[in-house]
Amino acid sequence: MPDLVHIPSGYAFPRGVIKRCFPTFTALLLALLVCVVIPTSLIAIRIAENPRVSPIDEAAQFDYVSRMADASMPRLGQYLLPSTLKMMSCTGMALEYPRLPPCPGTRSPRSYPGGGYQYEAQQPPSYYAITVPFRWIGVHLFGMSNLTASRAPGVLWVSAGLLALWMAGCLAGIPRRHLIPALLFLATAPVAIYHASIVSNDIPTLFAGSVVAFLGVLAWRSPGRWTAPTMFVAAAIVTSFKLNDVLAVLVVSCVLAIAHWTALREEGDSRQASARPWLREWGRSGGMLLAGAALMLLAWTFIDTHLNLVDPRTFQAFSSRRQGSIGFSLIARESIEMLNPLTGSYHPFRTNADGSTIGSALSLKLQSVTATLTELLFLSGALAGLVVRPRKCPHWLGVLSLVVLYVGGLVLGFVVWRTYKDDPGVTGRYGLCVAPLLALALASSIRRRWAVYGLWVFSLATLGLTYTYLLAP
């Protein structure tokens, strides 16, 4: 069992880190295959097989990118751009009802789902601003449509995230034979593939969680003058992709706090009687992570409040979600979905023009089976920390990930309820940033040889079945 407290530190960055993570040419090829080739092929297939607009907020997300391309910010209360409405009518939506106006569209936004409002304006702009140059490249150099070019960066987010997680696992001392299957589960997860193949600010959260994990391990292994400013800036940047990314920051910060406290106690000198050494050490790493994320949360909350053109609590686009009784009991029930970030907000891989699912009855049932087994596998890896002694850092990583996911779902649901006065609709994808941490916990919890073999068999079977789900008629 790898344990950060007992692994010698001192890897020089970047040469020492790269040598540790990619010690041989074979290791580099494996990393590229697992972290780049496989996810890129899966996402590319889904984009090609599903040209219509996703009903999961893709039109509003696409509209946000278009506004950023025009050097403007969307504001809550505005309608979608005419170009977005035209794209929706001419491309079509994978949704049976309501019917869209015929191509080339209509001048009345109210004829479109959601009243034609730009309701994603409450999201931070970083993801959309980064998407703009990639969309320009896709359109002008590769001849893609605006929608496809806006979707294409999903392969870069996932590949970069998996590579960062590979490096985090290697620095943490996790054997590659344990790490590779865990990464394959992330690459084939339904939520990851679906949202990486549409315009969605949910997919950078996978990258955000991986980067936070990598920086957390690196800050423990090779602390230096770089630690405090880098952790602060990195936390602020990843939180600017989507505010939910603060969940990954919380988990890593808590694990670093436990690691530093344990290290001080094991030194066996008089310093363990005082919290000051611990606070000083943790403050440079985990503390700066929290500070950077907190600053971004406060800054964007202030900016968003002053950008709104309407009161979110009476905004018409959310009126359909204000029906029925909404309270703590509903939020507590919805927050359970946060414990399943990879398959909880599950959507079929392929749909017809009317929104119906493509695939045989056997394929659809198998998708449900593999999704459920993946969910149980990640939960068991995280819960292993409750039944082992002594409890080491990887165990704390899994346990704290689950705690932060559920409590974070409660807080998120309550904030959305109080801000918009509607059903928060908490789903698993809101916790996608914590999925890389669950993958590390799973890879670290494997001990027996037969368990490693089982993990390999299941991950490869899931990979093969995922290609089948995406391609089979």
Protein backbone atom coordinates (compact mmCIF):
# COMPACT_ATOMS: atom_id res chain seq x y z
CA MET A 1 0.00 0.00 0.00
CA PRO A 2 1.62 3.27 -1.05
CA ASP A 3 1.60 5.92 1.67
CA LEU A 4 2.72 9.49 1.11
CA VAL A 5 3.99 9.75 4.69
CA HIS A 6 6.51 6.94 4.21
CA ILE A 7 7.74 7.69 0.69
CA PRO A 8 11.00 9.67 0.54
CA SER A 9 10.60 13.09 -1.02
CA GLY A 10 12.92 15.08 -3.21
CA TYR A 11 12.01 14.74 -6.88
CA ALA A 12 13.34 17.75 -8.77
CA PHE A 13 10.84 19.39 -11.07
CA PRO A 14 10.48 18.96 -13.96
CA ARG A 15 13.26 16.54 -14.94
CA GLY A 16 13.04 14.31 -11.87
CA VAL A 17 9.24 14.17 -12.04
CA ILE A 18 9.20 13.24 -15.72
CA LYS A 19 11.81 10.54 -15.14
CA ARG A 20 9.76 9.12 -12.27
CA CYS A 21 6.49 9.13 -14.24
CA PHE A 22 7.92 7.94 -17.59
CA PRO A 23 11.02 5.93 -16.68
CA THR A 24 11.09 3.97 -19.93
CA PHE A 25 9.90 4.32 -23.50
CA THR A 26 7.41 1.53 -22.82
CA ALA A 27 5.92 3.47 -19.90
CA LEU A 28 5.54 6.52 -22.13
CA LEU A 29 3.77 4.47 -24.81
CA LEU A 30 1.41 2.97 -22.22
CA ALA A 31 0.59 6.42 -20.88
CA LEU A 32 -0.15 7.74 -24.36
CA LEU A 33 -2.31 4.71 -25.18
CA VAL A 34 -4.37 4.82 -21.99
CA CYS A 35 -4.54 8.59 -21.50
CA VAL A 36 -4.68 9.87 -25.08
CA VAL A 37 -5.43 7.29 -27.77
CA ILE A 38 -8.28 5.43 -26.08
CA PRO A 39 -10.25 8.43 -24.76
CA THR A 40 -9.71 10.36 -28.00
CA SER A 41 -11.10 7.51 -30.10
CA LEU A 42 -14.12 7.02 -27.83
CA ILE A 43 -15.01 10.71 -27.76
CA ALA A 44 -14.44 11.14 -31.50
CA ILE A 45 -16.76 8.23 -32.26
CA ARG A 46 -19.52 9.66 -30.11
CA ILE A 47 -19.20 13.11 -31.68
CA ALA A 48 -19.42 11.56 -35.16
CA GLU A 49 -22.40 9.37 -34.22
CA ASN A 50 -24.36 12.18 -32.52
CA PRO A 51 -24.36 15.35 -34.64
CA ARG A 52 -27.54 16.76 -33.08
CA VAL A 53 -27.54 19.19 -30.18
CA SER A 54 -27.67 17.57 -26.77
CA PRO A 55 -30.64 18.53 -24.57
CA ILE A 56 -28.24 18.71 -21.58
CA ASP A 57 -27.81 22.50 -21.86
CA GLU A 58 -25.58 22.30 -24.94
CA ALA A 59 -27.35 25.09 -26.83
CA ALA A 60 -26.86 27.56 -23.98
CA GLN A 61 -23.24 26.42 -23.54
CA PHE A 62 -22.59 26.84 -27.28
CA ASP A 63 -24.16 30.28 -27.13
CA TYR A 64 -21.76 31.21 -24.29
CA VAL A 65 -18.78 30.25 -26.49
CA SER A 66 -20.18 32.30 -29.38
CA ARG A 67 -20.54 35.36 -27.17
CA MET A 68 -16.99 34.96 -25.89
CA ALA A 69 -15.81 34.74 -29.51
CA ASP A 70 -17.46 38.14 -30.03
CA ALA A 71 -15.66 39.48 -26.93
CA SER A 72 -18.82 39.77 -24.85
CA MET A 73 -20.16 38.17 -21.69
CA PRO A 74 -23.63 36.62 -21.48
CA ARG A 75 -25.96 37.96 -18.81
CA LEU A 76 -28.80 36.17 -17.11
CA GLY A 77 -32.02 37.37 -18.72
CA GLN A 78 -30.72 37.60 -22.28
CA TYR A 79 -32.05 35.48 -25.12
CA LEU A 80 -29.90 33.11 -27.15
CA LEU A 81 -28.13 34.64 -30.12
CA PRO A 82 -29.88 34.36 -33.53
CA SER A 83 -26.91 32.28 -34.74
CA THR A 84 -27.50 29.82 -31.90
CA LEU A 85 -31.21 29.55 -32.71
CA LYS A 86 -30.38 28.92 -36.36
CA MET A 87 -27.86 26.24 -35.40
CA MET A 88 -30.47 24.51 -33.22
CA SER A 89 -33.10 24.48 -35.99
CA CYS A 90 -30.75 23.39 -38.76
CA THR A 91 -28.81 20.82 -36.72
CA GLY A 92 -31.72 19.49 -34.66
CA MET A 93 -31.86 18.36 -31.06
CA ALA A 94 -31.75 14.83 -29.67
CA LEU A 95 -35.06 15.51 -27.96
CA GLU A 96 -38.53 14.45 -29.02
CA TYR A 97 -40.44 17.35 -27.49
CA PRO A 98 -40.77 20.25 -27.93
CA ARG A 99 -40.44 20.50 -31.68
CA LEU A 100 -38.03 23.12 -32.99
CA PRO A 101 -38.95 25.74 -35.61
CA PRO A 102 -37.83 24.66 -39.09
CA CYS A 103 -34.46 25.68 -40.53
CA PRO A 104 -33.26 28.43 -40.85
CA GLY A 105 -34.95 29.16 -37.56
CA THR A 106 -37.23 31.88 -36.31
CA ARG A 107 -36.91 35.36 -34.93
CA SER A 108 -38.85 34.42 -31.81
CA PRO A 109 -36.60 32.81 -29.16
CA ARG A 110 -39.68 31.85 -27.16
CA SER A 111 -40.40 29.12 -29.73
CA TYR A 112 -37.36 27.21 -28.47
CA PRO A 113 -36.85 25.01 -25.37
CA GLY A 114 -36.34 26.97 -22.18
CA GLY A 115 -37.98 30.02 -23.71
CA GLY A 116 -34.84 30.64 -25.76
CA TYR A 117 -33.06 32.14 -22.75
CA GLN A 118 -29.32 32.14 -22.09
CA TYR A 119 -29.55 30.48 -18.67
CA GLU A 120 -25.88 29.37 -18.43
CA ALA A 121 -24.70 32.94 -17.90
CA GLN A 122 -24.16 32.20 -14.20
CA GLN A 123 -21.15 30.01 -15.06
CA PRO A 124 -17.56 31.37 -14.89
CA PRO A 125 -16.11 32.20 -18.34
CA SER A 126 -12.75 30.36 -18.31
CA TYR A 127 -13.84 27.17 -20.10
CA TYR A 128 -15.68 29.10 -22.79
CA ALA A 129 -12.80 31.53 -23.35
CA ILE A 130 -10.37 28.62 -23.76
CA THR A 131 -12.74 26.94 -26.22
CA VAL A 132 -12.81 29.97 -28.53
CA PRO A 133 -9.32 29.60 -30.10
CA PHE A 134 -9.75 25.85 -30.45
CA ARG A 135 -13.07 26.40 -32.22
CA TRP A 136 -11.38 28.86 -34.60
CA ILE A 137 -8.71 26.28 -35.40
CA GLY A 138 -11.30 23.56 -35.97
CA VAL A 139 -13.41 25.72 -38.27
CA HIS A 140 -10.69 27.45 -40.30
CA LEU A 141 -8.00 24.76 -40.46
CA PHE A 142 -10.00 21.52 -40.36
CA GLY A 143 -13.29 22.60 -41.94
CA MET A 144 -15.44 21.61 -38.97
CA SER A 145 -18.83 23.12 -38.22
CA ASN A 146 -19.01 25.58 -35.35
CA LEU A 147 -20.72 22.98 -33.16
CA THR A 148 -18.24 20.18 -33.87
CA ALA A 149 -15.28 22.53 -33.44
CA SER A 150 -16.69 23.63 -30.08
CA ARG A 151 -17.01 20.00 -29.01
CA ALA A 152 -13.58 18.87 -30.19
CA PRO A 153 -11.57 20.34 -27.25
CA GLY A 154 -13.23 17.70 -25.06
CA VAL A 155 -10.57 15.20 -26.17
CA LEU A 156 -7.85 17.58 -25.01
CA TRP A 157 -9.43 18.12 -21.59
CA VAL A 158 -9.80 14.39 -20.95
CA SER A 159 -6.37 13.45 -22.30
CA ALA A 160 -4.62 16.17 -20.31
CA GLY A 161 -6.53 15.20 -17.19
CA LEU A 162 -5.66 11.52 -17.47
CA LEU A 163 -2.00 12.32 -18.08
CA ALA A 164 -1.93 14.53 -14.98
CA LEU A 165 -3.55 11.71 -13.00
CA TRP A 166 -1.02 9.21 -14.37
CA MET A 167 1.75 11.46 -13.07
CA ALA A 168 0.03 11.89 -9.72
CA GLY A 169 -0.29 8.13 -9.30
CA CYS A 170 3.34 7.52 -10.24
CA LEU A 171 4.62 10.16 -7.81
CA ALA A 172 2.44 8.65 -5.09
CA GLY A 173 4.12 5.29 -5.61
CA ILE A 174 1.12 3.48 -7.10
CA PRO A 175 2.28 0.60 -9.36
CA ARG A 176 1.35 0.99 -13.02
CA ARG A 177 -0.40 -2.38 -13.00
CA HIS A 178 -2.81 -0.89 -10.44
CA LEU A 179 -3.04 2.56 -12.00
CA ILE A 180 -3.81 1.64 -15.61
CA PRO A 181 -7.13 -0.17 -14.95
CA ALA A 182 -8.33 2.72 -12.78
CA LEU A 183 -7.54 5.18 -15.58
CA LEU A 184 -9.36 2.99 -18.08
CA PHE A 185 -12.50 3.20 -15.96
CA LEU A 186 -12.29 6.99 -16.11
CA ALA A 187 -11.70 6.95 -19.87
CA THR A 188 -14.73 4.71 -20.48
CA ALA A 189 -17.09 6.27 -17.91
CA PRO A 190 -20.45 7.20 -19.52
CA VAL A 191 -20.55 10.67 -17.96
CA ALA A 192 -16.98 11.45 -19.04
CA ILE A 193 -17.55 10.33 -22.65
CA TYR A 194 -20.93 12.03 -22.95
CA HIS A 195 -19.92 15.44 -21.63
CA ALA A 196 -16.55 15.40 -23.38
CA SER A 197 -18.40 14.98 -26.68
CA ILE A 198 -20.72 17.97 -26.25
CA VAL A 199 -20.15 21.63 -25.39
CA SER A 200 -20.20 21.43 -21.62
CA ASN A 201 -18.23 23.02 -18.80
CA ASP A 202 -18.58 19.78 -16.85
CA ILE A 203 -15.70 18.10 -18.67
CA PRO A 204 -12.89 20.47 -17.57
CA THR A 205 -13.73 19.42 -14.01
CA LEU A 206 -12.17 16.01 -14.71
CA PHE A 207 -8.98 17.81 -15.69
CA ALA A 208 -9.28 20.09 -12.66
CA GLY A 209 -9.48 17.21 -10.19
CA SER A 210 -6.50 15.48 -11.80
CA VAL A 211 -4.34 18.61 -11.73
CA VAL A 212 -5.19 19.28 -8.08
CA ALA A 213 -4.24 15.68 -7.25
CA PHE A 214 -0.93 15.99 -9.11
CA LEU A 215 -0.03 19.28 -7.43
CA GLY A 216 -1.01 17.89 -4.05
CA VAL A 217 1.34 14.91 -4.41
CA LEU A 218 4.11 17.09 -5.85
CA ALA A 219 3.77 19.62 -3.01
CA TRP A 220 4.23 16.78 -0.52
CA ARG A 221 7.10 15.11 -2.35
CA SER A 222 9.05 18.20 -3.45
CA PRO A 223 8.00 21.28 -1.46
CA GLY A 224 9.79 24.52 -2.15
CA ARG A 225 9.34 28.20 -2.84
CA TRP A 226 7.13 27.29 -5.77
CA THR A 227 4.55 25.55 -3.58
CA ALA A 228 2.51 28.41 -2.09
CA PRO A 229 2.06 30.60 -5.20
CA THR A 230 1.53 27.66 -7.53
CA MET A 231 -1.09 26.04 -5.31
CA PHE A 232 -2.92 29.35 -4.88
CA VAL A 233 -3.00 30.20 -8.57
CA ALA A 234 -3.83 26.64 -9.67
CA ALA A 235 -6.78 26.41 -7.26
CA ALA A 236 -8.13 29.74 -8.50
CA ILE A 237 -7.80 28.68 -12.14
CA VAL A 238 -9.44 25.26 -11.80
CA THR A 239 -12.27 26.73 -9.74
CA SER A 240 -12.86 29.23 -12.53
CA PHE A 241 -13.74 26.36 -14.89
CA LYS A 242 -16.72 25.52 -12.72
CA LEU A 243 -17.29 26.46 -9.10
CA ASN A 244 -17.98 22.81 -8.25
CA ASP A 245 -14.25 22.15 -8.64
CA VAL A 246 -13.81 23.44 -5.11
CA LEU A 247 -14.83 19.93 -4.01
CA ALA A 248 -11.58 18.42 -5.33
CA VAL A 249 -9.64 21.24 -3.68
CA LEU A 250 -11.29 20.47 -0.34
CA VAL A 251 -10.45 16.77 -0.52
CA VAL A 252 -6.79 17.28 -1.43
CA SER A 253 -6.39 20.03 1.15
CA CYS A 254 -7.79 17.78 3.90
CA VAL A 255 -5.53 14.87 2.89
CA LEU A 256 -2.50 17.18 2.99
CA ALA A 257 -3.55 18.34 6.45
CA ILE A 258 -3.68 14.72 7.67
CA ALA A 259 -0.36 13.89 5.99
CA HIS A 260 1.45 16.83 7.60
CA TRP A 261 -0.06 16.11 11.02
CA THR A 262 0.93 12.45 10.81
CA ALA A 263 4.46 13.36 9.74
CA LEU A 264 4.91 15.68 12.71
CA ARG A 265 3.68 13.05 15.15
CA GLU A 266 6.03 10.44 13.71
CA GLU A 267 9.03 12.74 14.17
CA GLY A 268 8.62 12.19 17.91
CA ASP A 269 9.98 15.52 19.10
CA SER A 270 8.46 18.35 21.09
CA ARG A 271 7.01 20.00 18.00
CA GLN A 272 4.08 17.62 17.96
CA ALA A 273 2.66 19.34 21.02
CA SER A 274 2.10 22.53 19.05
CA ALA A 275 -0.17 23.17 16.11
CA ARG A 276 2.02 25.97 14.76
CA PRO A 277 4.49 23.76 12.81
CA TRP A 278 1.61 21.82 11.35
CA LEU A 279 -0.28 24.97 10.39
CA ARG A 280 2.85 26.46 8.81
CA GLU A 281 3.55 23.36 6.71
CA TRP A 282 -0.05 22.81 5.67
CA GLY A 283 -0.63 26.49 5.02
CA ARG A 284 1.94 26.50 2.22
CA SER A 285 0.20 23.66 0.39
CA GLY A 286 -3.35 22.74 1.36
CA GLY A 287 -4.02 26.13 2.91
CA MET A 288 -3.06 27.97 -0.25
CA LEU A 289 -5.27 25.62 -2.26
CA LEU A 290 -8.24 26.59 -0.13
CA ALA A 291 -7.35 30.28 -0.28
CA GLY A 292 -7.15 30.32 -4.08
CA ALA A 293 -10.44 28.49 -4.49
CA ALA A 294 -12.18 30.67 -1.91
CA LEU A 295 -11.00 33.84 -3.63
CA MET A 296 -12.38 32.67 -6.97
CA LEU A 297 -15.69 31.66 -5.39
CA LEU A 298 -16.14 35.08 -3.81
CA ALA A 299 -14.95 36.98 -6.88
CA TRP A 300 -17.26 35.20 -9.32
CA THR A 301 -20.24 35.40 -6.95
CA PHE A 302 -19.76 39.17 -6.79
CA ILE A 303 -19.32 39.51 -10.57
CA ASP A 304 -22.26 37.27 -11.42
CA THR A 305 -24.58 39.13 -9.07
CA HIS A 306 -23.79 42.42 -10.78
CA LEU A 307 -24.08 41.01 -14.31
CA ASN A 308 -27.60 39.60 -13.90
CA LEU A 309 -30.33 41.47 -15.74
CA VAL A 310 -33.12 39.66 -13.89
CA ASP A 311 -33.73 38.28 -10.43
CA PRO A 312 -32.70 34.59 -10.56
CA ARG A 313 -35.51 33.72 -8.14
CA THR A 314 -38.14 34.80 -10.69
CA PHE A 315 -36.30 33.95 -13.91
CA GLN A 316 -38.78 32.37 -16.33
CA ALA A 317 -36.31 29.82 -17.72
CA PHE A 318 -36.37 28.03 -14.34
CA SER A 319 -40.13 28.25 -13.76
CA SER A 320 -40.76 24.60 -14.69
CA ARG A 321 -38.47 23.50 -11.85
CA ARG A 322 -40.31 25.49 -9.20
CA GLN A 323 -43.28 23.15 -9.06
CA GLY A 324 -43.91 20.90 -6.07
CA SER A 325 -42.47 20.91 -2.60
CA ILE A 326 -38.77 21.82 -2.43
CA GLY A 327 -36.87 21.55 0.83
CA PHE A 328 -34.03 19.91 2.70
CA SER A 329 -35.43 16.38 2.35
CA LEU A 330 -35.45 16.67 -1.46
CA ILE A 331 -31.91 18.06 -1.49
CA ALA A 332 -30.70 15.31 0.86
CA ARG A 333 -32.15 12.65 -1.45
CA GLU A 334 -30.73 14.22 -4.62
CA SER A 335 -27.29 14.59 -3.03
CA ILE A 336 -26.93 10.79 -2.91
CA GLU A 337 -26.33 10.98 -6.67
CA MET A 338 -23.11 12.86 -5.96
CA LEU A 339 -21.57 9.61 -4.69
CA ASN A 340 -21.66 8.32 -8.25
CA PRO A 341 -19.97 10.98 -10.39
CA LEU A 342 -19.00 8.71 -13.30
CA THR A 343 -22.34 7.08 -14.07
CA GLY A 344 -24.89 8.83 -11.83
CA SER A 345 -26.19 11.29 -14.44
CA TYR A 346 -26.20 8.54 -17.03
CA HIS A 347 -27.30 9.27 -20.61
CA PRO A 348 -27.48 6.88 -23.59
CA PHE A 349 -24.47 7.03 -25.86
CA ARG A 350 -26.50 7.24 -29.07
CA THR A 351 -29.91 8.74 -29.88
CA ASN A 352 -32.16 9.17 -32.90
CA ALA A 353 -33.43 12.49 -34.16
CA ASP A 354 -36.52 12.15 -31.95
CA GLY A 355 -34.45 11.51 -28.85
CA SER A 356 -35.04 7.76 -28.74
CA THR A 357 -32.10 5.53 -27.89
CA ILE A 358 -30.19 3.63 -30.57
CA GLY A 359 -29.10 0.09 -29.73
CA SER A 360 -30.37 -3.41 -29.18
CA ALA A 361 -32.18 -4.39 -25.99
CA LEU A 362 -29.13 -6.40 -24.93
CA SER A 363 -26.79 -3.44 -25.49
CA LEU A 364 -28.99 -1.10 -23.45
CA LYS A 365 -29.20 -3.57 -20.57
CA LEU A 366 -25.45 -4.18 -20.62
CA GLN A 367 -24.83 -0.43 -20.46
CA SER A 368 -26.84 -0.32 -17.25
CA VAL A 369 -24.95 -3.34 -15.87
CA THR A 370 -21.46 -1.99 -16.58
CA ALA A 371 -22.41 1.44 -15.24
CA THR A 372 -23.71 -0.06 -11.99
CA LEU A 373 -20.67 -2.31 -11.52
CA THR A 374 -18.34 0.64 -12.12
CA GLU A 375 -20.23 2.63 -9.52
CA LEU A 376 -19.95 -0.18 -6.95
CA LEU A 377 -16.26 -0.68 -7.70
CA PHE A 378 -15.36 2.95 -7.06
CA LEU A 379 -17.50 3.07 -3.92
CA SER A 380 -15.84 -0.06 -2.54
CA GLY A 381 -12.38 1.36 -3.23
CA ALA A 382 -13.27 4.53 -1.33
CA LEU A 383 -15.00 2.75 1.55
CA ALA A 384 -12.00 0.47 2.10
CA GLY A 385 -10.60 3.22 4.32
CA LEU A 386 -13.31 2.59 6.91
CA VAL A 387 -12.31 -1.00 7.62
CA VAL A 388 -8.50 -0.98 7.62
CA ARG A 389 -5.91 -0.25 10.28
CA PRO A 390 -3.67 1.67 10.16
CA ARG A 391 -5.48 4.16 7.97
CA LYS A 392 -3.02 5.70 5.51
CA CYS A 393 -3.27 8.65 3.15
CA PRO A 394 -4.84 6.72 0.22
CA HIS A 395 -7.54 5.47 2.61
CA TRP A 396 -8.22 9.01 3.78
CA LEU A 397 -8.38 10.11 0.15
CA GLY A 398 -11.23 7.69 -0.58
CA VAL A 399 -13.20 8.30 2.61
CA LEU A 400 -12.90 12.08 2.43
CA SER A 401 -13.88 12.04 -1.24
CA LEU A 402 -17.21 10.45 -0.37
CA VAL A 403 -17.79 12.76 2.58
CA VAL A 404 -17.03 15.88 0.54
CA LEU A 405 -19.18 14.65 -2.35
CA TYR A 406 -22.27 14.19 -0.22
CA VAL A 407 -21.83 17.25 1.99
CA GLY A 408 -20.89 19.26 -1.09
CA GLY A 409 -24.11 18.09 -2.75
CA LEU A 410 -26.09 19.29 0.25
CA VAL A 411 -24.39 22.70 0.23
CA LEU A 412 -24.68 23.04 -3.55
CA GLY A 413 -28.35 22.06 -3.49
CA PHE A 414 -29.11 24.50 -0.68
CA VAL A 415 -27.30 27.38 -2.42
CA VAL A 416 -29.09 26.73 -5.72
CA TRP A 417 -32.43 26.47 -3.93
CA ARG A 418 -31.91 29.75 -2.08
CA THR A 419 -30.53 31.54 -5.14
CA TYR A 420 -33.00 30.37 -7.79
CA LYS A 421 -35.93 29.15 -5.70
CA ASP A 422 -36.17 25.98 -7.77
CA ASP A 423 -35.37 22.28 -7.60
CA PRO A 424 -31.54 22.16 -7.60
CA GLY A 425 -31.53 18.85 -9.50
CA VAL A 426 -28.24 17.69 -7.95
CA THR A 427 -26.73 14.96 -10.15
CA GLY A 428 -23.56 12.91 -10.19
CA ARG A 429 -21.84 14.99 -12.87
CA TYR A 430 -21.61 17.89 -10.41
CA GLY A 431 -19.01 15.83 -8.54
CA LEU A 432 -17.00 14.77 -11.59
CA CYS A 433 -13.95 16.68 -10.33
CA VAL A 434 -13.63 14.19 -7.45
CA ALA A 435 -13.71 11.14 -9.76
CA PRO A 436 -9.90 11.23 -10.36
CA LEU A 437 -9.37 11.13 -6.60
CA LEU A 438 -11.67 8.11 -6.31
CA ALA A 439 -9.63 6.45 -9.08
CA LEU A 440 -6.42 6.99 -7.10
CA ALA A 441 -8.08 5.60 -3.97
CA LEU A 442 -9.21 2.52 -5.91
CA ALA A 443 -5.77 1.91 -7.41
CA SER A 444 -4.16 2.29 -3.98
CA SER A 445 -6.57 -0.04 -2.19
CA ILE A 446 -5.81 -3.08 -4.37
CA ARG A 447 -3.52 -5.56 -2.59
CA ARG A 448 -3.97 -9.18 -3.64
CA ARG A 449 -2.77 -10.43 -7.00
CA TRP A 450 -6.16 -11.93 -7.82
CA ALA A 451 -7.78 -8.54 -7.16
CA VAL A 452 -5.40 -6.88 -9.61
CA TYR A 453 -6.19 -9.51 -12.23
CA GLY A 454 -9.91 -9.00 -11.64
CA LEU A 455 -9.54 -5.25 -12.02
CA TRP A 456 -7.73 -5.73 -15.33
CA VAL A 457 -10.34 -8.14 -16.67
CA PHE A 458 -13.24 -5.86 -15.76
CA SER A 459 -11.56 -2.71 -17.11
CA LEU A 460 -10.69 -4.34 -20.44
CA ALA A 461 -14.17 -5.85 -20.72
CA THR A 462 -15.69 -2.42 -20.05
CA LEU A 463 -13.43 -0.89 -22.70
CA GLY A 464 -14.47 -3.45 -25.32
CA LEU A 465 -18.15 -3.10 -24.45
CA THR A 466 -17.94 0.70 -24.64
CA TYR A 467 -16.70 0.51 -28.23
CA THR A 468 -19.59 -1.84 -28.90
CA TYR A 469 -22.12 0.55 -27.36
CA LEU A 470 -20.80 3.40 -29.51
CA LEU A 471 -20.63 1.52 -32.82
CA ALA A 472 -23.07 -1.38 -32.85
CA PRO A 473 -26.40 -0.79 -34.64
